[in-house]
Amino acid sequence: MQEYLTAVGDALPYLLQGVLVTMSLVLGAMGLGLVLGVLLAVGLVYGPPHIRTPFKLYVWFFRGVPLLVLLFLFYFGLFTLVGINISAFTAAVIVLGLISAAYQSQIFRGGILSLPEGQLKAARALGMSDTKAIFFVILPQALRLSVPGWSNEYSIVLKDSAVAYALGVAEVMARAHFVASRTYQHLPLYFTAGVIFLILTYLGTKTLRVLEDKVRIPGYVR
């Protein structure tokens, strides 16, 4: 037991440095997923057939192919093929963001569809164009209703970020693996990495729960 505690104590500062990398991955991916997810959701709900079809294919593809396959496909395949020279960290953010966008689009799509159809008609009656009505009437409400689902997406992206170690990104899991492979203290180090992820999950979901309470629409029940 003393040996385990010593290994964890020696490695903990190094592992905690990886928290900044992990959270940068998560926030970058969530931000990219938010922007693309909103656009996808709007296109899926209000777009014409020639827009909805490729958007559906996008969602189907990025929800169906495993994360590790996509990381290798983009970093070692597509980016190299087109001559784009980016870091493993940037590639991981892009891939995680593209995947998150597919899932977030369904969260926002559900939020949009949960709103009464009469709101769009009322906005039209007031002289608003469909574009203005969607972005100034529909989306502000849909996004507020989507916060619980977005909180769940945060947990998923956080856990998926651990796979970025396969590209050499020095996040928490990569650092734990690096130390464990040299000290042979696999159990305590991987357990510590798991605890770190649990704490990050709790803090993130707690923060989003506070946000959910602040943006809740009074009197609205889904």
Protein backbone atom coordinates (compact mmCIF):
# COMPACT_ATOMS: atom_id res chain seq x y z
CA MET A 1 0.00 0.00 0.00
CA GLN A 2 2.81 2.40 0.85
CA GLU A 3 4.34 1.73 -2.55
CA TYR A 4 1.03 2.58 -4.24
CA LEU A 5 0.67 5.83 -2.29
CA THR A 6 4.23 6.85 -3.10
CA ALA A 7 3.69 6.21 -6.81
CA VAL A 8 0.49 8.27 -6.82
CA GLY A 9 2.05 11.08 -4.79
CA ASP A 10 5.03 11.33 -7.11
CA ALA A 11 2.91 11.25 -10.26
CA LEU A 12 -0.01 13.44 -9.14
CA PRO A 13 1.49 16.85 -10.08
CA TYR A 14 2.32 15.48 -13.53
CA LEU A 15 -1.19 14.05 -13.93
CA LEU A 16 -2.83 17.30 -12.83
CA GLN A 17 -0.94 19.17 -15.54
CA GLY A 18 -2.83 16.96 -17.96
CA VAL A 19 -6.13 18.30 -16.62
CA LEU A 20 -5.50 21.57 -18.47
CA VAL A 21 -4.95 19.66 -21.70
CA THR A 22 -8.04 17.51 -21.13
CA MET A 23 -10.28 20.48 -20.38
CA SER A 24 -8.90 22.37 -23.38
CA LEU A 25 -9.84 19.37 -25.53
CA VAL A 26 -13.33 19.24 -24.05
CA LEU A 27 -14.06 22.97 -24.25
CA GLY A 28 -12.71 23.22 -27.78
CA ALA A 29 -14.74 20.23 -28.95
CA MET A 30 -17.90 21.40 -27.19
CA GLY A 31 -17.54 24.88 -28.69
CA LEU A 32 -17.06 23.53 -32.22
CA GLY A 33 -19.90 21.07 -31.68
CA LEU A 34 -22.18 23.86 -30.46
CA VAL A 35 -21.70 26.02 -33.54
CA LEU A 36 -21.99 23.16 -36.03
CA GLY A 37 -24.74 21.44 -34.02
CA VAL A 38 -26.99 24.51 -34.09
CA LEU A 39 -26.54 24.89 -37.84
CA LEU A 40 -27.23 21.20 -38.39
CA ALA A 41 -30.33 21.29 -36.18
CA VAL A 42 -31.76 24.30 -38.02
CA GLY A 43 -31.06 22.66 -41.37
CA LEU A 44 -32.63 19.37 -40.28
CA VAL A 45 -35.81 21.03 -39.05
CA TYR A 46 -36.31 23.91 -41.46
CA GLY A 47 -34.06 23.15 -44.42
CA PRO A 48 -35.26 21.96 -47.84
CA PRO A 49 -34.72 18.31 -48.84
CA HIS A 50 -31.41 19.00 -50.63
CA ILE A 51 -30.08 20.42 -47.33
CA ARG A 52 -31.60 17.85 -44.95
CA THR A 53 -30.21 14.87 -46.85
CA PRO A 54 -26.48 15.69 -46.54
CA PHE A 55 -27.04 16.83 -42.95
CA LYS A 56 -28.64 13.47 -42.14
CA LEU A 57 -25.70 11.69 -43.78
CA TYR A 58 -23.29 13.75 -41.65
CA VAL A 59 -25.10 12.81 -38.44
CA TRP A 60 -25.32 9.17 -39.50
CA PHE A 61 -21.60 9.00 -40.34
CA PHE A 62 -20.19 10.67 -37.24
CA ARG A 63 -22.53 8.83 -34.90
CA GLY A 64 -21.77 5.48 -36.50
CA VAL A 65 -17.97 5.39 -36.87
CA PRO A 66 -15.91 4.74 -33.69
CA LEU A 67 -13.93 7.65 -32.27
CA LEU A 68 -10.56 5.92 -32.56
CA VAL A 69 -11.16 5.14 -36.22
CA LEU A 70 -12.07 8.77 -36.92
CA LEU A 71 -8.98 10.04 -35.09
CA PHE A 72 -6.72 7.86 -37.21
CA LEU A 73 -8.73 8.54 -40.39
CA PHE A 74 -8.41 12.30 -40.06
CA TYR A 75 -4.97 12.68 -38.47
CA PHE A 76 -3.03 10.03 -40.41
CA GLY A 77 -5.28 9.96 -43.47
CA LEU A 78 -7.28 12.98 -44.61
CA PHE A 79 -5.10 15.71 -43.11
CA THR A 80 -1.96 14.12 -44.52
CA LEU A 81 -3.60 13.53 -47.91
CA VAL A 82 -4.55 17.19 -48.36
CA GLY A 83 -1.25 18.43 -46.91
CA ILE A 84 -2.63 19.97 -43.73
CA ASN A 85 0.06 19.99 -41.05
CA ILE A 86 -1.60 20.34 -37.64
CA SER A 87 -0.75 19.12 -34.16
CA ALA A 88 -2.26 16.00 -32.64
CA PHE A 89 -4.06 18.21 -30.13
CA THR A 90 -5.74 20.28 -32.86
CA ALA A 91 -6.70 17.16 -34.78
CA ALA A 92 -8.26 15.68 -31.65
CA VAL A 93 -10.27 18.87 -31.02
CA ILE A 94 -11.55 18.88 -34.60
CA VAL A 95 -12.55 15.22 -34.58
CA LEU A 96 -14.17 15.39 -31.15
CA GLY A 97 -15.96 18.56 -32.23
CA LEU A 98 -17.27 17.01 -35.44
CA ILE A 99 -18.59 14.01 -33.52
CA SER A 100 -20.09 16.19 -30.81
CA ALA A 101 -21.80 18.31 -33.46
CA ALA A 102 -23.67 15.24 -34.70
CA TYR A 103 -24.97 14.49 -31.20
CA GLN A 104 -25.61 18.10 -30.25
CA SER A 105 -27.63 18.60 -33.43
CA GLN A 106 -30.09 15.99 -32.18
CA ILE A 107 -30.26 17.66 -28.77
CA PHE A 108 -31.02 21.05 -30.34
CA ARG A 109 -33.36 19.50 -32.88
CA GLY A 110 -35.39 18.03 -30.02
CA GLY A 111 -35.44 21.44 -28.32
CA ILE A 112 -36.71 23.11 -31.48
CA LEU A 113 -39.41 20.51 -32.10
CA SER A 114 -40.61 20.78 -28.49
CA LEU A 115 -41.66 24.39 -29.05
CA PRO A 116 -45.21 25.20 -30.24
CA GLU A 117 -45.42 25.58 -34.01
CA GLY A 118 -47.49 28.72 -33.55
CA GLN A 119 -44.45 30.71 -32.45
CA LEU A 120 -42.94 30.70 -35.93
CA LYS A 121 -46.29 31.65 -37.43
CA ALA A 122 -46.69 34.46 -34.92
CA ALA A 123 -43.22 35.79 -35.79
CA ARG A 124 -44.16 35.76 -39.47
CA ALA A 125 -47.38 37.61 -38.68
CA LEU A 126 -45.30 40.33 -37.01
CA GLY A 127 -43.34 40.78 -40.21
CA MET A 128 -40.21 38.81 -39.29
CA SER A 129 -38.47 36.73 -41.92
CA ASP A 130 -38.05 33.01 -41.27
CA THR A 131 -34.32 33.49 -40.66
CA LYS A 132 -34.86 36.20 -38.05
CA ALA A 133 -37.69 34.24 -36.43
CA ILE A 134 -35.52 31.14 -36.11
CA PHE A 135 -32.46 32.91 -34.70
CA PHE A 136 -34.22 35.46 -32.48
CA VAL A 137 -37.37 33.60 -31.36
CA ILE A 138 -36.95 29.85 -31.77
CA LEU A 139 -33.27 29.23 -31.03
CA PRO A 140 -33.02 31.25 -27.78
CA GLN A 141 -35.77 29.09 -26.30
CA ALA A 142 -34.55 25.82 -27.82
CA LEU A 143 -31.02 26.35 -26.51
CA ARG A 144 -32.28 26.98 -22.99
CA LEU A 145 -34.38 23.81 -23.14
CA SER A 146 -31.36 21.86 -24.42
CA VAL A 147 -29.07 22.58 -21.46
CA PRO A 148 -29.85 19.24 -19.68
CA GLY A 149 -28.96 17.30 -22.82
CA TRP A 150 -25.89 19.47 -23.33
CA SER A 151 -24.80 18.59 -19.78
CA ASN A 152 -24.93 14.92 -20.74
CA GLU A 153 -22.93 15.63 -23.88
CA TYR A 154 -20.23 17.25 -21.75
CA SER A 155 -19.79 14.00 -19.82
CA ILE A 156 -19.53 12.02 -23.04
CA VAL A 157 -16.96 14.33 -24.63
CA LEU A 158 -14.92 14.36 -21.41
CA LYS A 159 -14.73 10.57 -21.40
CA ASP A 160 -14.01 10.43 -25.14
CA SER A 161 -11.12 12.86 -24.71
CA ALA A 162 -9.13 10.07 -23.04
CA VAL A 163 -8.86 8.32 -26.42
CA ALA A 164 -6.79 11.25 -27.71
CA TYR A 165 -3.79 9.65 -26.02
CA ALA A 166 -3.64 7.34 -29.06
CA LEU A 167 -2.39 10.34 -31.07
CA GLY A 168 0.13 11.29 -28.41
CA VAL A 169 -1.87 14.14 -26.85
CA ALA A 170 -0.52 14.60 -23.31
CA GLU A 171 -3.87 14.61 -21.49
CA VAL A 172 -4.63 12.82 -18.21
CA MET A 173 -4.87 9.29 -19.59
CA ALA A 174 -1.70 9.62 -21.69
CA ARG A 175 0.24 10.85 -18.67
CA ALA A 176 -1.07 8.06 -16.47
CA HIS A 177 -0.10 5.50 -19.10
CA PHE A 178 3.34 7.07 -19.51
CA VAL A 179 4.11 6.89 -15.77
CA ALA A 180 2.55 3.43 -15.31
CA SER A 181 4.62 1.95 -18.14
CA ARG A 182 7.79 3.08 -16.39
CA THR A 183 6.95 2.45 -12.74
CA TYR A 184 4.78 -0.66 -13.31
CA GLN A 185 2.27 0.77 -10.82
CA HIS A 186 -0.64 0.40 -13.23
CA LEU A 187 -3.48 -0.08 -10.74
CA PRO A 188 -2.98 3.02 -8.54
CA LEU A 189 -2.14 5.31 -11.47
CA TYR A 190 -5.07 4.29 -13.66
CA PHE A 191 -7.33 4.43 -10.61
CA THR A 192 -6.11 7.98 -9.93
CA ALA A 193 -6.79 8.94 -13.54
CA GLY A 194 -10.32 7.57 -13.14
CA VAL A 195 -10.86 9.63 -10.00
CA ILE A 196 -9.68 12.76 -11.81
CA PHE A 197 -12.19 12.14 -14.59
CA LEU A 198 -14.96 11.59 -12.03
CA ILE A 199 -14.15 14.89 -10.35
CA LEU A 200 -14.09 16.74 -13.68
CA THR A 201 -17.42 15.16 -14.61
CA TYR A 202 -18.99 16.20 -11.32
CA LEU A 203 -17.70 19.77 -11.50
CA GLY A 204 -18.78 20.20 -15.11
CA THR A 205 -22.28 18.79 -14.67
CA LYS A 206 -22.72 20.78 -11.45
CA THR A 207 -21.81 23.99 -13.27
CA LEU A 208 -24.22 23.20 -16.10
CA ARG A 209 -26.94 22.40 -13.56
CA VAL A 210 -26.51 25.92 -12.15
CA LEU A 211 -26.72 27.28 -15.71
CA GLU A 212 -29.87 25.23 -16.30
CA ASP A 213 -31.52 26.76 -13.23
CA LYS A 214 -30.59 30.29 -14.32
CA VAL A 215 -31.91 29.98 -17.89
CA ARG A 216 -35.01 27.91 -17.08
CA ILE A 217 -38.11 29.35 -18.76
CA PRO A 218 -40.62 30.12 -15.94
CA GLY A 219 -43.87 28.24 -16.24
CA TYR A 220 -42.71 26.14 -19.19
CA VAL A 221 -43.01 22.38 -18.78
CA ARG A 222 -41.74 20.06 -21.50
